[in-house]
Amino acid sequence: MDDLNKQHEFYETARARAKQKKRLYYHFVVFLVGAVFLILLNKLLKVGENVVENWFVWAIILWLFFFVLHFINVFVTQRFMGKDWERAQTEKLVMEQELKIAKLKKQMDDEYALKAEKTQALYNFEKDKKEGDLSNATE
């Protein structure tokens, strides 16, 4: 059953990666078409020339910046901080928590043992004192 879950998880991961790459390629095509459209809008239709000449360059550079961020997210960040990285970090944090819990439990057990020793010593002291008082009273 565990193998079936792993296979399904691998399939879902592969499907998600394919979807990410597909969106990136779609973004690239839209970027190219959009850049050509912006150039044509500025050069042929003279839109915005009275405000800033060649404004399309800045628009394309900004769009390119967002495309590069998208590219980094798909091919760099996902590779280093994907499901495997997330799983390893989760296991690491769980292990740290388990160690802290074990340490606290040991500390509580030690304190309990110390209290039990003190209680036993006090009980023995009281018992010895009563026995001593009884033996002194009988003499």
C-alpha atoms as a PDB file:
ATOM      1  CA  MET A   1       0.000   0.000   0.000  1.00  0.00           C
ATOM      2  CA  ASP A   2       2.896   2.328   0.815  1.00  0.00           C
ATOM      3  CA  ASP A   3       4.413   1.752  -2.644  1.00  0.00           C
ATOM      4  CA  LEU A   4       1.119   2.724  -4.228  1.00  0.00           C
ATOM      5  CA  ASN A   5       1.076   5.981  -2.245  1.00  0.00           C
ATOM      6  CA  LYS A   6       4.668   6.722  -3.242  1.00  0.00           C
ATOM      7  CA  GLN A   7       3.881   6.043  -6.892  1.00  0.00           C
ATOM      8  CA  HIS A   8       0.879   8.353  -6.704  1.00  0.00           C
ATOM      9  CA  GLU A   9       2.989  11.037  -5.000  1.00  0.00           C
ATOM     10  CA  PHE A  10       5.667  10.731  -7.718  1.00  0.00           C
ATOM     11  CA  TYR A  11       2.985  10.991 -10.374  1.00  0.00           C
ATOM     12  CA  GLU A  12       1.467  14.095  -8.770  1.00  0.00           C
ATOM     13  CA  THR A  13       4.894  15.712  -8.416  1.00  0.00           C
ATOM     14  CA  ALA A  14       5.739  14.998 -12.061  1.00  0.00           C
ATOM     15  CA  ARG A  15       2.355  16.318 -13.144  1.00  0.00           C
ATOM     16  CA  ALA A  16       2.820  19.517 -11.131  1.00  0.00           C
ATOM     17  CA  ARG A  17       6.317  20.036 -12.588  1.00  0.00           C
ATOM     18  CA  ALA A  18       5.007  19.527 -16.134  1.00  0.00           C
ATOM     19  CA  LYS A  19       2.264  22.066 -15.435  1.00  0.00           C
ATOM     20  CA  GLN A  20       4.827  24.583 -14.123  1.00  0.00           C
ATOM     21  CA  LYS A  21       6.996  24.167 -17.214  1.00  0.00           C
ATOM     22  CA  LYS A  22       3.977  24.449 -19.492  1.00  0.00           C
ATOM     23  CA  ARG A  23       2.995  27.739 -17.821  1.00  0.00           C
ATOM     24  CA  LEU A  24       6.569  29.016 -18.207  1.00  0.00           C
ATOM     25  CA  TYR A  25       6.630  28.203 -21.926  1.00  0.00           C
ATOM     26  CA  TYR A  26       3.219  29.819 -22.319  1.00  0.00           C
ATOM     27  CA  HIS A  27       4.549  32.893 -20.488  1.00  0.00           C
ATOM     28  CA  PHE A  28       7.514  33.002 -22.885  1.00  0.00           C
ATOM     29  CA  VAL A  29       5.278  32.883 -25.977  1.00  0.00           C
ATOM     30  CA  VAL A  30       2.988  35.573 -24.567  1.00  0.00           C
ATOM     31  CA  PHE A  31       6.089  37.633 -23.735  1.00  0.00           C
ATOM     32  CA  LEU A  32       7.355  37.422 -27.325  1.00  0.00           C
ATOM     33  CA  VAL A  33       3.974  38.243 -28.848  1.00  0.00           C
ATOM     34  CA  GLY A  34       3.413  41.013 -26.311  1.00  0.00           C
ATOM     35  CA  ALA A  35       6.846  42.531 -26.963  1.00  0.00           C
ATOM     36  CA  VAL A  36       6.190  42.613 -30.707  1.00  0.00           C
ATOM     37  CA  PHE A  37       2.764  44.144 -30.022  1.00  0.00           C
ATOM     38  CA  LEU A  38       4.281  46.862 -27.806  1.00  0.00           C
ATOM     39  CA  ILE A  39       6.907  47.683 -30.441  1.00  0.00           C
ATOM     40  CA  LEU A  40       4.250  47.911 -33.142  1.00  0.00           C
ATOM     41  CA  LEU A  41       2.025  50.005 -30.903  1.00  0.00           C
ATOM     42  CA  ASN A  42       4.823  52.505 -30.307  1.00  0.00           C
ATOM     43  CA  LYS A  43       6.470  52.593 -33.715  1.00  0.00           C
ATOM     44  CA  LEU A  44       3.557  52.197 -36.131  1.00  0.00           C
ATOM     45  CA  LEU A  45       0.632  53.674 -34.204  1.00  0.00           C
ATOM     46  CA  LYS A  46       2.756  56.258 -32.346  1.00  0.00           C
ATOM     47  CA  VAL A  47       1.003  55.492 -29.031  1.00  0.00           C
ATOM     48  CA  GLY A  48       2.665  57.271 -26.123  1.00  0.00           C
ATOM     49  CA  GLU A  49       5.426  58.953 -28.142  1.00  0.00           C
ATOM     50  CA  ASN A  50       4.466  62.384 -26.833  1.00  0.00           C
ATOM     51  CA  VAL A  51       5.068  61.170 -23.246  1.00  0.00           C
ATOM     52  CA  VAL A  52       8.240  59.088 -23.589  1.00  0.00           C
ATOM     53  CA  GLU A  53       9.945  58.070 -26.783  1.00  0.00           C
ATOM     54  CA  ASN A  54      10.634  54.320 -26.962  1.00  0.00           C
ATOM     55  CA  TRP A  55       8.610  53.597 -23.808  1.00  0.00           C
ATOM     56  CA  PHE A  56       8.124  50.049 -25.047  1.00  0.00           C
ATOM     57  CA  VAL A  57      11.749  49.274 -24.145  1.00  0.00           C
ATOM     58  CA  TRP A  58      11.037  49.884 -20.454  1.00  0.00           C
ATOM     59  CA  ALA A  59       7.817  47.870 -20.613  1.00  0.00           C
ATOM     60  CA  ILE A  60       9.627  44.956 -22.270  1.00  0.00           C
ATOM     61  CA  ILE A  61      12.496  45.115 -19.752  1.00  0.00           C
ATOM     62  CA  LEU A  62      10.018  45.039 -16.856  1.00  0.00           C
ATOM     63  CA  TRP A  63       8.170  42.122 -18.432  1.00  0.00           C
ATOM     64  CA  LEU A  64      11.488  40.341 -19.036  1.00  0.00           C
ATOM     65  CA  PHE A  65      12.337  40.794 -15.363  1.00  0.00           C
ATOM     66  CA  PHE A  66       9.095  39.047 -14.375  1.00  0.00           C
ATOM     67  CA  PHE A  67       9.756  36.298 -16.906  1.00  0.00           C
ATOM     68  CA  VAL A  68      13.246  35.730 -15.451  1.00  0.00           C
ATOM     69  CA  LEU A  69      11.723  35.505 -11.958  1.00  0.00           C
ATOM     70  CA  HIS A  70       9.249  32.953 -13.268  1.00  0.00           C
ATOM     71  CA  PHE A  71      12.102  31.000 -14.911  1.00  0.00           C
ATOM     72  CA  ILE A  72      14.120  31.021 -11.676  1.00  0.00           C
ATOM     73  CA  ASN A  73      11.095  29.851  -9.731  1.00  0.00           C
ATOM     74  CA  VAL A  74      10.505  26.905 -12.074  1.00  0.00           C
ATOM     75  CA  PHE A  75      14.056  25.734 -12.779  1.00  0.00           C
ATOM     76  CA  VAL A  76      16.145  26.905  -9.820  1.00  0.00           C
ATOM     77  CA  THR A  77      14.026  27.371  -6.715  1.00  0.00           C
ATOM     78  CA  GLN A  78      11.867  24.295  -7.266  1.00  0.00           C
ATOM     79  CA  ARG A  79      14.933  22.136  -7.743  1.00  0.00           C
ATOM     80  CA  PHE A  80      16.552  23.232  -4.486  1.00  0.00           C
ATOM     81  CA  MET A  81      13.433  23.841  -2.448  1.00  0.00           C
ATOM     82  CA  GLY A  82      11.025  21.290  -3.876  1.00  0.00           C
ATOM     83  CA  LYS A  83       9.165  18.453  -2.180  1.00  0.00           C
ATOM     84  CA  ASP A  84      12.358  16.605  -1.206  1.00  0.00           C
ATOM     85  CA  TRP A  85      13.796  19.687   0.488  1.00  0.00           C
ATOM     86  CA  GLU A  86      10.494  20.329   2.256  1.00  0.00           C
ATOM     87  CA  ARG A  87      10.303  16.705   3.431  1.00  0.00           C
ATOM     88  CA  ALA A  88      13.909  16.796   4.702  1.00  0.00           C
ATOM     89  CA  GLN A  89      13.284  20.057   6.578  1.00  0.00           C
ATOM     90  CA  THR A  90      10.111  18.650   8.128  1.00  0.00           C
ATOM     91  CA  GLU A  91      11.896  15.484   9.236  1.00  0.00           C
ATOM     92  CA  LYS A  92      14.721  17.571  10.681  1.00  0.00           C
ATOM     93  CA  LEU A  93      12.308  19.731  12.676  1.00  0.00           C
ATOM     94  CA  VAL A  94      10.368  16.691  13.900  1.00  0.00           C
ATOM     95  CA  MET A  95      13.635  15.082  15.010  1.00  0.00           C
ATOM     96  CA  GLU A  96      14.629  18.239  16.903  1.00  0.00           C
ATOM     97  CA  GLN A  97      11.241  18.319  18.630  1.00  0.00           C
ATOM     98  CA  GLU A  98      11.530  14.631  19.557  1.00  0.00           C
ATOM     99  CA  LEU A  99      14.985  15.273  21.042  1.00  0.00           C
ATOM    100  CA  LYS A 100      13.633  18.200  23.075  1.00  0.00           C
ATOM    101  CA  ILE A 101      10.735  16.079  24.303  1.00  0.00           C
ATOM    102  CA  ALA A 102      13.078  13.216  25.247  1.00  0.00           C
ATOM    103  CA  LYS A 103      15.335  15.659  27.103  1.00  0.00           C
ATOM    104  CA  LEU A 104      12.384  17.140  29.003  1.00  0.00           C
ATOM    105  CA  LYS A 105      11.078  13.669  29.820  1.00  0.00           C
ATOM    106  CA  LYS A 106      14.479  12.616  31.154  1.00  0.00           C
ATOM    107  CA  GLN A 107      14.662  15.797  33.211  1.00  0.00           C
ATOM    108  CA  MET A 108      11.179  15.154  34.635  1.00  0.00           C
ATOM    109  CA  ASP A 109      12.057  11.516  35.386  1.00  0.00           C
ATOM    110  CA  ASP A 110      15.225  12.632  37.174  1.00  0.00           C
ATOM    111  CA  GLU A 111      13.279  15.202  39.204  1.00  0.00           C
ATOM    112  CA  TYR A 112      10.631  12.592  40.034  1.00  0.00           C
ATOM    113  CA  ALA A 113      13.306  10.112  41.133  1.00  0.00           C
ATOM    114  CA  LEU A 114      14.941  12.798  43.296  1.00  0.00           C
ATOM    115  CA  LYS A 115      11.600  13.672  44.908  1.00  0.00           C
ATOM    116  CA  ALA A 116      10.901   9.986  45.478  1.00  0.00           C
ATOM    117  CA  GLU A 117      14.308   9.580  47.173  1.00  0.00           C
ATOM    118  CA  LYS A 118      13.682  12.608  49.389  1.00  0.00           C
ATOM    119  CA  THR A 119      10.208  11.363  50.264  1.00  0.00           C
ATOM    120  CA  GLN A 120      11.610   7.897  51.069  1.00  0.00           C
ATOM    121  CA  ALA A 121      14.406   9.421  53.152  1.00  0.00           C
ATOM    122  CA  LEU A 122      11.892  11.584  55.044  1.00  0.00           C
ATOM    123  CA  TYR A 123       9.636   8.563  55.580  1.00  0.00           C
ATOM    124  CA  ASN A 124      12.589   6.494  56.853  1.00  0.00           C
ATOM    125  CA  PHE A 125      13.648   9.362  59.127  1.00  0.00           C
ATOM    126  CA  GLU A 126      10.146   9.674  60.585  1.00  0.00           C
ATOM    127  CA  LYS A 127       9.942   5.898  60.969  1.00  0.00           C
ATOM    128  CA  ASP A 128      13.337   5.729  62.709  1.00  0.00           C
ATOM    129  CA  LYS A 129      12.350   8.641  64.958  1.00  0.00           C
ATOM    130  CA  LYS A 130       9.107   6.907  65.985  1.00  0.00           C
ATOM    131  CA  GLU A 131      10.933   3.640  66.597  1.00  0.00           C
ATOM    132  CA  GLY A 132      13.539   5.522  68.625  1.00  0.00           C
ATOM    133  CA  ASP A 133      10.806   7.230  70.669  1.00  0.00           C
ATOM    134  CA  LEU A 134       9.080   3.871  71.249  1.00  0.00           C
ATOM    135  CA  SER A 135      12.284   2.170  72.353  1.00  0.00           C
ATOM    136  CA  ASN A 136      13.094   5.055  74.682  1.00  0.00           C
ATOM    137  CA  ALA A 137       9.570   4.912  76.144  1.00  0.00           C
ATOM    138  CA  THR A 138       9.804   1.186  76.840  1.00  0.00           C
ATOM    139  CA  GLU A 139      13.100   1.459  78.634  1.00  0.00           C
END
